[in-house]
PDB file of N, CA and C in Angstrom:
ATOM      1  N   UNK A   1      -1.658  -2.229   6.612  1.00  0.00           N
ATOM      2  CA  UNK A   1      -1.190  -3.185   5.628  1.00  0.00           C
ATOM      3  C   UNK A   1      -2.341  -3.892   4.928  1.00  0.00           C
ATOM      4  N   UNK A   2      -3.483  -3.998   5.610  1.00  0.00           N
ATOM      5  CA  UNK A   2      -4.606  -4.707   4.985  1.00  0.00           C
ATOM      6  C   UNK A   2      -5.067  -4.005   3.706  1.00  0.00           C
ATOM      7  N   UNK A   3      -4.848  -2.697   3.610  1.00  0.00           N
ATOM      8  CA  UNK A   3      -5.218  -1.977   2.394  1.00  0.00           C
ATOM      9  C   UNK A   3      -4.311  -2.414   1.234  1.00  0.00           C
ATOM     10  N   UNK A   4      -3.030  -2.569   1.531  1.00  0.00           N
ATOM     11  CA  UNK A   4      -2.077  -3.024   0.514  1.00  0.00           C
ATOM     12  C   UNK A   4      -2.409  -4.449   0.086  1.00  0.00           C
ATOM     13  N   UNK A   5      -2.710  -5.295   1.066  1.00  0.00           N
ATOM     14  CA  UNK A   5      -3.065  -6.680   0.743  1.00  0.00           C
ATOM     15  C   UNK A   5      -4.316  -6.736  -0.133  1.00  0.00           C
ATOM     16  N   UNK A   6      -5.289  -5.907   0.183  1.00  0.00           N
ATOM     17  CA  UNK A   6      -6.521  -5.870  -0.613  1.00  0.00           C
ATOM     18  C   UNK A   6      -6.199  -5.464  -2.056  1.00  0.00           C
ATOM     19  N   UNK A   7      -5.319  -4.490  -2.217  1.00  0.00           N
ATOM     20  CA  UNK A   7      -4.931  -4.060  -3.562  1.00  0.00           C
ATOM     21  C   UNK A   7      -4.210  -5.191  -4.301  1.00  0.00           C
ATOM     22  N   UNK A   8      -3.369  -5.939  -3.590  1.00  0.00           N
ATOM     23  CA  UNK A   8      -2.670  -7.056  -4.221  1.00  0.00           C
ATOM     24  C   UNK A   8      -3.641  -8.169  -4.617  1.00  0.00           C
ATOM     25  N   UNK A   9      -4.648  -8.400  -3.792  1.00  0.00           N
ATOM     26  CA  UNK A   9      -5.671  -9.398  -4.142  1.00  0.00           C
ATOM     27  C   UNK A   9      -6.389  -8.972  -5.414  1.00  0.00           C
ATOM     28  N   UNK A  10      -6.766  -7.706  -5.486  1.00  0.00           N
ATOM     29  CA  UNK A  10      -7.446  -7.208  -6.682  1.00  0.00           C
ATOM     30  C   UNK A  10      -6.550  -7.334  -7.910  1.00  0.00           C
ATOM     31  N   UNK A  11      -5.278  -6.991  -7.731  1.00  0.00           N
ATOM     32  CA  UNK A  11      -4.334  -7.107  -8.851  1.00  0.00           C
ATOM     33  C   UNK A  11      -4.226  -8.551  -9.323  1.00  0.00           C
ATOM     34  N   UNK A  12      -4.072  -9.465  -8.372  1.00  0.00           N
ATOM     35  CA  UNK A  12      -3.918 -10.888  -8.705  1.00  0.00           C
ATOM     36  C   UNK A  12      -5.157 -11.439  -9.412  1.00  0.00           C
ATOM     37  N   UNK A  13      -6.326 -10.935  -9.031  1.00  0.00           N
ATOM     38  CA  UNK A  13      -7.563 -11.413  -9.665  1.00  0.00           C
ATOM     39  C   UNK A  13      -7.910 -10.621 -10.919  1.00  0.00           C
ATOM     40  N   UNK A  14      -6.969  -9.762 -11.331  1.00  0.00           N
ATOM     41  CA  UNK A  14      -7.124  -8.956 -12.543  1.00  0.00           C
ATOM     42  C   UNK A  14      -8.385  -8.093 -12.502  1.00  0.00           C
ATOM     43  N   UNK A  15      -8.662  -7.569 -11.314  1.00  0.00           N
ATOM     44  CA  UNK A  15      -9.774  -6.651 -11.111  1.00  0.00           C
ATOM     45  C   UNK A  15      -9.204  -5.248 -10.963  1.00  0.00           C
ATOM     46  N   UNK A  16      -9.861  -4.279 -11.570  1.00  0.00           N
ATOM     47  CA  UNK A  16      -9.396  -2.899 -11.484  1.00  0.00           C
ATOM     48  C   UNK A  16      -9.331  -2.461 -10.018  1.00  0.00           C
ATOM     49  N   UNK A  17      -8.238  -1.805  -9.672  1.00  0.00           N
ATOM     50  CA  UNK A  17      -8.094  -1.290  -8.306  1.00  0.00           C
ATOM     51  C   UNK A  17      -8.684   0.110  -8.285  1.00  0.00           C
ATOM     52  N   UNK A  18      -9.894   0.197  -7.781  1.00  0.00           N
ATOM     53  CA  UNK A  18     -10.554   1.483  -7.637  1.00  0.00           C
ATOM     54  C   UNK A  18     -11.181   1.528  -6.249  1.00  0.00           C
ATOM     55  N   UNK A  19     -11.783   2.660  -5.920  1.00  0.00           N
ATOM     56  CA  UNK A  19     -12.335   2.830  -4.569  1.00  0.00           C
ATOM     57  C   UNK A  19     -13.405   1.788  -4.249  1.00  0.00           C
ATOM     58  N   UNK A  20     -14.267   1.512  -5.203  1.00  0.00           N
ATOM     59  CA  UNK A  20     -15.359   0.571  -4.963  1.00  0.00           C
ATOM     60  C   UNK A  20     -14.826  -0.848  -4.730  1.00  0.00           C
ATOM     61  N   UNK A  21     -13.940  -1.308  -5.607  1.00  0.00           N
ATOM     62  CA  UNK A  21     -13.440  -2.680  -5.486  1.00  0.00           C
ATOM     63  C   UNK A  21     -12.577  -2.844  -4.233  1.00  0.00           C
ATOM     64  N   UNK A  22     -11.765  -1.850  -3.918  1.00  0.00           N
ATOM     65  CA  UNK A  22     -10.927  -1.920  -2.732  1.00  0.00           C
ATOM     66  C   UNK A  22     -11.788  -1.948  -1.466  1.00  0.00           C
ATOM     67  N   UNK A  23     -12.814  -1.115  -1.430  1.00  0.00           N
ATOM     68  CA  UNK A  23     -13.729  -1.088  -0.288  1.00  0.00           C
ATOM     69  C   UNK A  23     -14.447  -2.423  -0.133  1.00  0.00           C
ATOM     70  N   UNK A  24     -14.859  -3.017  -1.245  1.00  0.00           N
ATOM     71  CA  UNK A  24     -15.555  -4.302  -1.205  1.00  0.00           C
ATOM     72  C   UNK A  24     -14.674  -5.391  -0.602  1.00  0.00           C
ATOM     73  N   UNK A  25     -13.418  -5.447  -1.009  1.00  0.00           N
ATOM     74  CA  UNK A  25     -12.495  -6.457  -0.489  1.00  0.00           C
ATOM     75  C   UNK A  25     -12.250  -6.227   1.001  1.00  0.00           C
ATOM     76  N   UNK A  26     -12.035  -4.980   1.386  1.00  0.00           N
ATOM     77  CA  UNK A  26     -11.778  -4.679   2.787  1.00  0.00           C
ATOM     78  C   UNK A  26     -12.978  -5.031   3.666  1.00  0.00           C
ATOM     79  N   UNK A  27     -14.173  -4.702   3.207  1.00  0.00           N
ATOM     80  CA  UNK A  27     -15.368  -5.033   3.985  1.00  0.00           C
ATOM     81  C   UNK A  27     -15.556  -6.545   4.074  1.00  0.00           C
ATOM     82  N   UNK A  28     -15.235  -7.263   2.999  1.00  0.00           N
ATOM     83  CA  UNK A  28     -15.349  -8.721   3.017  1.00  0.00           C
ATOM     84  C   UNK A  28     -14.398  -9.330   4.048  1.00  0.00           C
ATOM     85  N   UNK A  29     -13.292  -8.638   4.298  1.00  0.00           N
ATOM     86  CA  UNK A  29     -12.315  -9.108   5.292  1.00  0.00           C
ATOM     87  C   UNK A  29     -12.624  -8.544   6.678  1.00  0.00           C
ATOM     88  N   UNK A  30     -13.768  -7.898   6.817  1.00  0.00           N
ATOM     89  CA  UNK A  30     -14.226  -7.336   8.085  1.00  0.00           C
ATOM     90  C   UNK A  30     -13.272  -6.275   8.625  1.00  0.00           C
ATOM     91  N   UNK A  31     -12.753  -5.454   7.700  1.00  0.00           N
ATOM     92  CA  UNK A  31     -11.880  -4.343   8.058  1.00  0.00           C
ATOM     93  C   UNK A  31     -12.724  -3.075   8.118  1.00  0.00           C
ATOM     94  N   UNK A  32     -12.501  -2.266   9.143  1.00  0.00           N
ATOM     95  CA  UNK A  32     -13.181  -0.968   9.230  1.00  0.00           C
ATOM     96  C   UNK A  32     -12.562  -0.075   8.151  1.00  0.00           C
ATOM     97  N   UNK A  33     -13.359   0.274   7.156  1.00  0.00           N
ATOM     98  CA  UNK A  33     -12.853   1.004   5.995  1.00  0.00           C
ATOM     99  C   UNK A  33     -12.858   2.508   6.258  1.00  0.00           C
ATOM    100  N   UNK A  34     -11.714   3.125   5.998  1.00  0.00           N
ATOM    101  CA  UNK A  34     -11.581   4.572   6.086  1.00  0.00           C
ATOM    102  C   UNK A  34     -11.497   5.102   4.656  1.00  0.00           C
ATOM    103  N   UNK A  35     -12.513   5.850   4.249  1.00  0.00           N
ATOM    104  CA  UNK A  35     -12.593   6.330   2.873  1.00  0.00           C
ATOM    105  C   UNK A  35     -11.366   7.131   2.447  1.00  0.00           C
ATOM    106  N   UNK A  36     -10.812   7.917   3.346  1.00  0.00           N
ATOM    107  CA  UNK A  36      -9.639   8.726   3.027  1.00  0.00           C
ATOM    108  C   UNK A  36      -8.458   7.832   2.670  1.00  0.00           C
ATOM    109  N   UNK A  37      -8.276   6.755   3.435  1.00  0.00           N
ATOM    110  CA  UNK A  37      -7.169   5.828   3.155  1.00  0.00           C
ATOM    111  C   UNK A  37      -7.381   5.110   1.828  1.00  0.00           C
ATOM    112  N   UNK A  38      -8.635   4.751   1.533  1.00  0.00           N
ATOM    113  CA  UNK A  38      -8.931   4.076   0.268  1.00  0.00           C
ATOM    114  C   UNK A  38      -8.598   5.006  -0.890  1.00  0.00           C
ATOM    115  N   UNK A  39      -9.073   6.249  -0.823  1.00  0.00           N
ATOM    116  CA  UNK A  39      -8.818   7.218  -1.898  1.00  0.00           C
ATOM    117  C   UNK A  39      -7.321   7.468  -2.067  1.00  0.00           C
ATOM    118  N   UNK A  40      -6.622   7.602  -0.952  1.00  0.00           N
ATOM    119  CA  UNK A  40      -5.190   7.868  -1.015  1.00  0.00           C
ATOM    120  C   UNK A  40      -4.432   6.702  -1.638  1.00  0.00           C
ATOM    121  N   UNK A  41      -4.799   5.477  -1.278  1.00  0.00           N
ATOM    122  CA  UNK A  41      -4.117   4.316  -1.838  1.00  0.00           C
ATOM    123  C   UNK A  41      -4.387   4.180  -3.334  1.00  0.00           C
ATOM    124  N   UNK A  42      -5.623   4.358  -3.730  1.00  0.00           N
ATOM    125  CA  UNK A  42      -5.960   4.273  -5.158  1.00  0.00           C
ATOM    126  C   UNK A  42      -5.152   5.316  -5.938  1.00  0.00           C
ATOM    127  N   UNK A  43      -5.070   6.527  -5.403  1.00  0.00           N
ATOM    128  CA  UNK A  43      -4.303   7.582  -6.066  1.00  0.00           C
ATOM    129  C   UNK A  43      -2.816   7.249  -6.101  1.00  0.00           C
ATOM    130  N   UNK A  44      -2.286   6.702  -5.001  1.00  0.00           N
ATOM    131  CA  UNK A  44      -0.865   6.366  -4.931  1.00  0.00           C
ATOM    132  C   UNK A  44      -0.494   5.240  -5.892  1.00  0.00           C
ATOM    133  N   UNK A  45      -1.411   4.307  -6.100  1.00  0.00           N
ATOM    134  CA  UNK A  45      -1.119   3.167  -6.979  1.00  0.00           C
ATOM    135  C   UNK A  45      -1.385   3.463  -8.458  1.00  0.00           C
ATOM    136  N   UNK A  46      -1.943   4.619  -8.730  1.00  0.00           N
ATOM    137  CA  UNK A  46      -2.307   4.963 -10.102  1.00  0.00           C
ATOM    138  C   UNK A  46      -1.144   4.843 -11.087  1.00  0.00           C
ATOM    139  N   UNK A  47       0.041   5.272 -10.684  1.00  0.00           N
ATOM    140  CA  UNK A  47       1.200   5.265 -11.581  1.00  0.00           C
ATOM    141  C   UNK A  47       2.168   4.118 -11.307  1.00  0.00           C
ATOM    142  N   UNK A  48       1.758   3.154 -10.489  1.00  0.00           N
ATOM    143  CA  UNK A  48       2.632   2.037 -10.139  1.00  0.00           C
ATOM    144  C   UNK A  48       2.307   0.836 -11.015  1.00  0.00           C
ATOM    145  N   UNK A  49       3.338   0.257 -11.609  1.00  0.00           N
ATOM    146  CA  UNK A  49       3.181  -0.998 -12.339  1.00  0.00           C
ATOM    147  C   UNK A  49       3.408  -2.115 -11.325  1.00  0.00           C
ATOM    148  N   UNK A  50       2.318  -2.599 -10.753  1.00  0.00           N
ATOM    149  CA  UNK A  50       2.410  -3.583  -9.673  1.00  0.00           C
ATOM    150  C   UNK A  50       3.100  -4.860 -10.152  1.00  0.00           C
ATOM    151  N   UNK A  51       2.774  -5.311 -11.321  1.00  0.00           N
ATOM    152  CA  UNK A  51       3.380  -6.536 -11.851  1.00  0.00           C
ATOM    153  C   UNK A  51       4.890  -6.393 -11.959  1.00  0.00           C
ATOM    154  N   UNK A  52       5.347  -5.251 -12.439  1.00  0.00           N
ATOM    155  CA  UNK A  52       6.777  -4.997 -12.567  1.00  0.00           C
ATOM    156  C   UNK A  52       7.445  -4.986 -11.190  1.00  0.00           C
ATOM    157  N   UNK A  53       6.803  -4.367 -10.226  1.00  0.00           N
ATOM    158  CA  UNK A  53       7.355  -4.320  -8.868  1.00  0.00           C
ATOM    159  C   UNK A  53       7.423  -5.717  -8.260  1.00  0.00           C
ATOM    160  N   UNK A  54       6.398  -6.525  -8.480  1.00  0.00           N
ATOM    161  CA  UNK A  54       6.395  -7.889  -7.959  1.00  0.00           C
ATOM    162  C   UNK A  54       7.482  -8.737  -8.624  1.00  0.00           C
ATOM    163  N   UNK A  55       7.660  -8.585  -9.912  1.00  0.00           N
ATOM    164  CA  UNK A  55       8.682  -9.341 -10.632  1.00  0.00           C
ATOM    165  C   UNK A  55      10.081  -8.955 -10.175  1.00  0.00           C
ATOM    166  N   UNK A  56      10.241  -7.692  -9.778  1.00  0.00           N
ATOM    167  CA  UNK A  56      11.544  -7.216  -9.312  1.00  0.00           C
ATOM    168  C   UNK A  56      11.798  -7.636  -7.867  1.00  0.00           C
ATOM    169  N   UNK A  57      10.823  -8.323  -7.249  1.00  0.00           N
ATOM    170  CA  UNK A  57      10.986  -8.781  -5.879  1.00  0.00           C
ATOM    171  C   UNK A  57      10.714  -7.703  -4.856  1.00  0.00           C
ATOM    172  N   UNK A  58       9.940  -6.695  -5.239  1.00  0.00           N
ATOM    173  CA  UNK A  58       9.630  -5.605  -4.329  1.00  0.00           C
ATOM    174  C   UNK A  58       8.211  -5.749  -3.820  1.00  0.00           C
ATOM    175  N   UNK A  59       8.013  -5.386  -2.564  1.00  0.00           N
ATOM    176  CA  UNK A  59       6.679  -5.287  -2.010  1.00  0.00           C
ATOM    177  C   UNK A  59       6.273  -3.835  -2.171  1.00  0.00           C
ATOM    178  N   UNK A  60       5.182  -3.590  -2.846  1.00  0.00           N
ATOM    179  CA  UNK A  60       4.755  -2.227  -3.109  1.00  0.00           C
ATOM    180  C   UNK A  60       4.146  -1.644  -1.842  1.00  0.00           C
ATOM    181  N   UNK A  61       4.813  -0.650  -1.270  1.00  0.00           N
ATOM    182  CA  UNK A  61       4.291   0.038  -0.097  1.00  0.00           C
ATOM    183  C   UNK A  61       4.346   1.528  -0.402  1.00  0.00           C
ATOM    184  N   UNK A  62       3.360   2.040  -1.121  1.00  0.00           N
ATOM    185  CA  UNK A  62       3.404   3.461  -1.443  1.00  0.00           C
ATOM    186  C   UNK A  62       3.078   4.298  -0.225  1.00  0.00           C
ATOM    187  N   UNK A  63       3.744   5.429  -0.115  1.00  0.00           N
ATOM    188  CA  UNK A  63       3.364   6.382   0.924  1.00  0.00           C
ATOM    189  C   UNK A  63       2.046   6.981   0.468  1.00  0.00           C
ATOM    190  N   UNK A  64       1.090   7.053   1.341  1.00  0.00           N
ATOM    191  CA  UNK A  64      -0.248   7.485   0.954  1.00  0.00           C
ATOM    192  C   UNK A  64      -0.260   8.925   0.492  1.00  0.00           C
ATOM    193  N   UNK A  65       0.770   9.676   0.806  1.00  0.00           N
ATOM    194  CA  UNK A  65       0.831  11.065   0.390  1.00  0.00           C
ATOM    195  C   UNK A  65       1.021  11.230  -1.103  1.00  0.00           C
ATOM    196  N   UNK A  66       1.157  10.155  -1.860  1.00  0.00           N
ATOM    197  CA  UNK A  66       1.248  10.253  -3.308  1.00  0.00           C
ATOM    198  C   UNK A  66       2.510   9.647  -3.887  1.00  0.00           C
ATOM    199  N   UNK A  67       3.525   9.360  -3.078  1.00  0.00           N
ATOM    200  CA  UNK A  67       4.734   8.735  -3.587  1.00  0.00           C
ATOM    201  C   UNK A  67       4.447   7.278  -3.876  1.00  0.00           C
ATOM    202  N   UNK A  68       5.225   6.697  -4.756  1.00  0.00           N
ATOM    203  CA  UNK A  68       5.053   5.287  -5.044  1.00  0.00           C
ATOM    204  C   UNK A  68       6.374   4.708  -5.496  1.00  0.00           C
ATOM    205  N   UNK A  69       6.404   3.406  -5.629  1.00  0.00           N
ATOM    206  CA  UNK A  69       7.630   2.747  -6.072  1.00  0.00           C
ATOM    207  C   UNK A  69       8.051   3.269  -7.437  1.00  0.00           C
ATOM    208  N   UNK A  70       7.103   3.512  -8.309  1.00  0.00           N
ATOM    209  CA  UNK A  70       7.424   3.968  -9.657  1.00  0.00           C
ATOM    210  C   UNK A  70       7.903   5.412  -9.670  1.00  0.00           C
ATOM    211  N   UNK A  71       7.531   6.197  -8.659  1.00  0.00           N
ATOM    212  CA  UNK A  71       7.918   7.601  -8.663  1.00  0.00           C
ATOM    213  C   UNK A  71       8.937   7.912  -7.577  1.00  0.00           C
ATOM    214  N   UNK A  72       9.682   6.904  -7.138  1.00  0.00           N
ATOM    215  CA  UNK A  72      10.755   7.132  -6.200  1.00  0.00           C
ATOM    216  C   UNK A  72      10.366   6.983  -4.746  1.00  0.00           C
ATOM    217  N   UNK A  73       9.186   6.467  -4.458  1.00  0.00           N
ATOM    218  CA  UNK A  73       8.759   6.253  -3.075  1.00  0.00           C
ATOM    219  C   UNK A  73       9.491   5.073  -2.478  1.00  0.00           C
ATOM    220  N   UNK A  74       9.283   4.859  -1.197  1.00  0.00           N
ATOM    221  CA  UNK A  74       9.967   3.766  -0.517  1.00  0.00           C
ATOM    222  C   UNK A  74       9.296   2.440  -0.823  1.00  0.00           C
ATOM    223  N   UNK A  75      10.133   1.404  -0.958  1.00  0.00           N
ATOM    224  CA  UNK A  75       9.613   0.052  -1.095  1.00  0.00           C
ATOM    225  C   UNK A  75      10.460  -0.864  -0.241  1.00  0.00           C
ATOM    226  N   UNK A  76       9.885  -1.929   0.194  1.00  0.00           N
ATOM    227  CA  UNK A  76      10.642  -2.956   0.909  1.00  0.00           C
ATOM    228  C   UNK A  76      11.015  -4.016  -0.106  1.00  0.00           C
ATOM    229  N   UNK A  77      12.258  -4.467  -0.076  1.00  0.00           N
ATOM    230  CA  UNK A  77      12.655  -5.484  -1.025  1.00  0.00           C
ATOM    231  C   UNK A  77      12.776  -6.818  -0.315  1.00  0.00           C
ATOM    232  N   UNK A  78      12.499  -7.860  -1.046  1.00  0.00           N
ATOM    233  CA  UNK A  78      12.584  -9.207  -0.492  1.00  0.00           C
ATOM    234  C   UNK A  78      13.959  -9.804  -0.757  1.00  0.00           C
ATOM    235  N   UNK A  79      14.914  -8.988  -1.187  1.00  0.00           N
ATOM    236  CA  UNK A  79      16.215  -9.444  -1.611  1.00  0.00           C
ATOM    237  C   UNK A  79      17.241  -9.242  -0.497  1.00  0.00           C
ATOM    238  N   UNK A  80      17.450 -10.254   0.349  1.00  0.00           N
ATOM    239  CA  UNK A  80      18.418 -10.165   1.440  1.00  0.00           C
ATOM    240  C   UNK A  80      19.027 -11.538   1.666  1.00  0.00           C
ATOM    241  N   UNK A  81      20.286 -11.563   2.084  1.00  0.00           N
ATOM    242  CA  UNK A  81      20.948 -12.828   2.317  1.00  0.00           C
ATOM    243  C   UNK A  81      20.533 -13.498   3.615  1.00  0.00           C
ATOM    244  N   UNK A  82      20.150 -12.730   4.609  1.00  0.00           N
ATOM    245  CA  UNK A  82      19.803 -13.260   5.922  1.00  0.00           C
ATOM    246  C   UNK A  82      18.291 -13.165   6.122  1.00  0.00           C
ATOM    247  N   UNK A  83      17.600 -14.302   6.233  1.00  0.00           N
ATOM    248  CA  UNK A  83      16.141 -14.265   6.365  1.00  0.00           C
ATOM    249  C   UNK A  83      15.665 -13.512   7.610  1.00  0.00           C
ATOM    250  N   UNK A  84      16.374 -13.662   8.736  1.00  0.00           N
ATOM    251  CA  UNK A  84      15.980 -12.949   9.958  1.00  0.00           C
ATOM    252  C   UNK A  84      16.138 -11.449   9.773  1.00  0.00           C
ATOM    253  N   UNK A  85      17.240 -11.059   9.137  1.00  0.00           N
ATOM    254  CA  UNK A  85      17.503  -9.646   8.875  1.00  0.00           C
ATOM    255  C   UNK A  85      16.464  -9.089   7.904  1.00  0.00           C
ATOM    256  N   UNK A  86      16.116  -9.863   6.908  1.00  0.00           N
ATOM    257  CA  UNK A  86      15.115  -9.435   5.928  1.00  0.00           C
ATOM    258  C   UNK A  86      13.759  -9.260   6.601  1.00  0.00           C
ATOM    259  N   UNK A  87      13.416 -10.203   7.491  1.00  0.00           N
ATOM    260  CA  UNK A  87      12.136 -10.118   8.195  1.00  0.00           C
ATOM    261  C   UNK A  87      12.096  -8.881   9.085  1.00  0.00           C
ATOM    262  N   UNK A  88      13.153  -8.641   9.832  1.00  0.00           N
ATOM    263  CA  UNK A  88      13.215  -7.472  10.712  1.00  0.00           C
ATOM    264  C   UNK A  88      13.138  -6.184   9.900  1.00  0.00           C
ATOM    265  N   UNK A  89      13.842  -6.163   8.786  1.00  0.00           N
ATOM    266  CA  UNK A  89      13.823  -4.989   7.925  1.00  0.00           C
ATOM    267  C   UNK A  89      12.437  -4.752   7.347  1.00  0.00           C
ATOM    268  N   UNK A  90      11.791  -5.820   6.904  1.00  0.00           N
ATOM    269  CA  UNK A  90      10.446  -5.700   6.330  1.00  0.00           C
ATOM    270  C   UNK A  90       9.453  -5.230   7.385  1.00  0.00           C
ATOM    271  N   UNK A  91       9.584  -5.753   8.620  1.00  0.00           N
ATOM    272  CA  UNK A  91       8.693  -5.331   9.698  1.00  0.00           C
ATOM    273  C   UNK A  91       8.899  -3.861  10.028  1.00  0.00           C
ATOM    274  N   UNK A  92      10.152  -3.418  10.063  1.00  0.00           N
ATOM    275  CA  UNK A  92      10.462  -2.016  10.344  1.00  0.00           C
ATOM    276  C   UNK A  92       9.901  -1.113   9.251  1.00  0.00           C
ATOM    277  N   UNK A  93      10.097  -1.497   8.004  1.00  0.00           N
ATOM    278  CA  UNK A  93       9.590  -0.700   6.897  1.00  0.00           C
ATOM    279  C   UNK A  93       8.065  -0.680   6.883  1.00  0.00           C
ATOM    280  N   UNK A  94       7.437  -1.790   7.231  1.00  0.00           N
ATOM    281  CA  UNK A  94       5.975  -1.836   7.290  1.00  0.00           C
ATOM    282  C   UNK A  94       5.468  -0.911   8.385  1.00  0.00           C
ATOM    283  N   UNK A  95       6.147  -0.914   9.530  1.00  0.00           N
ATOM    284  CA  UNK A  95       5.761  -0.035  10.633  1.00  0.00           C
ATOM    285  C   UNK A  95       5.898   1.422  10.208  1.00  0.00           C
ATOM    286  N   UNK A  96       7.010   1.761   9.563  1.00  0.00           N
ATOM    287  CA  UNK A  96       7.223   3.128   9.091  1.00  0.00           C
ATOM    288  C   UNK A  96       6.157   3.524   8.065  1.00  0.00           C
ATOM    289  N   UNK A  97       5.814   2.602   7.179  1.00  0.00           N
ATOM    290  CA  UNK A  97       4.800   2.888   6.163  1.00  0.00           C
ATOM    291  C   UNK A  97       3.445   3.136   6.808  1.00  0.00           C
ATOM    292  N   UNK A  98       3.113   2.338   7.819  1.00  0.00           N
ATOM    293  CA  UNK A  98       1.841   2.530   8.518  1.00  0.00           C
ATOM    294  C   UNK A  98       1.811   3.880   9.222  1.00  0.00           C
ATOM    295  N   UNK A  99       2.944   4.278   9.823  1.00  0.00           N
ATOM    296  CA  UNK A  99       3.015   5.572  10.492  1.00  0.00           C
ATOM    297  C   UNK A  99       2.872   6.704   9.485  1.00  0.00           C
ATOM    298  N   UNK A 100       3.546   6.583   8.329  1.00  0.00           N
ATOM    299  CA  UNK A 100       3.413   7.587   7.273  1.00  0.00           C
ATOM    300  C   UNK A 100       1.979   7.647   6.764  1.00  0.00           C
ATOM    301  N   UNK A 101       1.371   6.479   6.584  1.00  0.00           N
ATOM    302  CA  UNK A 101       0.002   6.396   6.102  1.00  0.00           C
ATOM    303  C   UNK A 101      -0.947   7.090   7.070  1.00  0.00           C
ATOM    304  N   UNK A 102      -0.761   6.862   8.359  1.00  0.00           N
ATOM    305  CA  UNK A 102      -1.613   7.490   9.370  1.00  0.00           C
ATOM    306  C   UNK A 102      -1.417   9.003   9.377  1.00  0.00           C
ATOM    307  N   UNK A 103      -0.170   9.439   9.268  1.00  0.00           N
ATOM    308  CA  UNK A 103       0.116  10.870   9.261  1.00  0.00           C
ATOM    309  C   UNK A 103      -0.468  11.514   8.011  1.00  0.00           C
ATOM    310  N   UNK A 104      -0.321  10.860   6.871  1.00  0.00           N
ATOM    311  CA  UNK A 104      -0.868  11.391   5.624  1.00  0.00           C
ATOM    312  C   UNK A 104      -2.381  11.440   5.659  1.00  0.00           C
ATOM    313  N   UNK A 105      -2.991  10.389   6.192  1.00  0.00           N
ATOM    314  CA  UNK A 105      -4.445  10.345   6.279  1.00  0.00           C
ATOM    315  C   UNK A 105      -4.939  11.465   7.180  1.00  0.00           C
ATOM    316  N   UNK A 106      -4.243  11.718   8.272  1.00  0.00           N
ATOM    317  CA  UNK A 106      -4.624  12.810   9.173  1.00  0.00           C
ATOM    318  C   UNK A 106      -4.520  14.143   8.446  1.00  0.00           C
ATOM    319  N   UNK A 107      -3.469  14.312   7.662  1.00  0.00           N
ATOM    320  CA  UNK A 107      -3.305  15.542   6.884  1.00  0.00           C
ATOM    321  C   UNK A 107      -4.398  15.707   5.845  1.00  0.00           C
ATOM    322  N   UNK A 108      -4.761  14.643   5.187  1.00  0.00           N
ATOM    323  CA  UNK A 108      -5.851  14.695   4.205  1.00  0.00           C
ATOM    324  C   UNK A 108      -7.175  15.023   4.886  1.00  0.00           C
ATOM    325  N   UNK A 109      -7.371  14.464   6.067  1.00  0.00           N
ATOM    326  CA  UNK A 109      -8.589  14.729   6.812  1.00  0.00           C
ATOM    327  C   UNK A 109      -8.729  16.208   7.150  1.00  0.00           C
ATOM    328  N   UNK A 110      -7.587  16.850   7.442  1.00  0.00           N
ATOM    329  CA  UNK A 110      -7.605  18.277   7.757  1.00  0.00           C
ATOM    330  C   UNK A 110      -8.056  19.107   6.557  1.00  0.00           C
ATOM    331  N   UNK A 111      -7.741  18.628   5.353  1.00  0.00           N
ATOM    332  CA  UNK A 111      -8.151  19.356   4.154  1.00  0.00           C
ATOM    333  C   UNK A 111      -9.662  19.386   3.986  1.00  0.00           C
ATOM    334  N   UNK A 112     -10.316  18.313   4.427  1.00  0.00           N
ATOM    335  CA  UNK A 112     -11.753  18.197   4.232  1.00  0.00           C
ATOM    336  C   UNK A 112     -12.549  18.554   5.480  1.00  0.00           C
ATOM    337  N   UNK A 113     -11.864  18.857   6.577  1.00  0.00           N
ATOM    338  CA  UNK A 113     -12.526  19.121   7.855  1.00  0.00           C
ATOM    339  C   UNK A 113     -12.963  20.541   8.041  1.00  0.00           C
TER     340      UNK A 113
END
């Protein structure tokens, strides 16, 4: 999730989300940076209108394999009547996204190994 947060920080500060800027933010937060994950996230966010997703009340959680909110990928929405249910749902979706991200990163690693 720290990769997504770093991308949101860059977006909020109106800084281009690219490999260099994302890596800089992650290192500043003392995160062990995995180049494959950085490249995958930058590629996944390429076609996502982050501002539009935020305005719609969606948390952008692109699958690192290339899917995104704009192209039909999964997103977690902040729109729920029950705060506890929304929190549990968001935590479950975040866990699933992290698992997908890890699986995708492993697959990408195999391509370059």
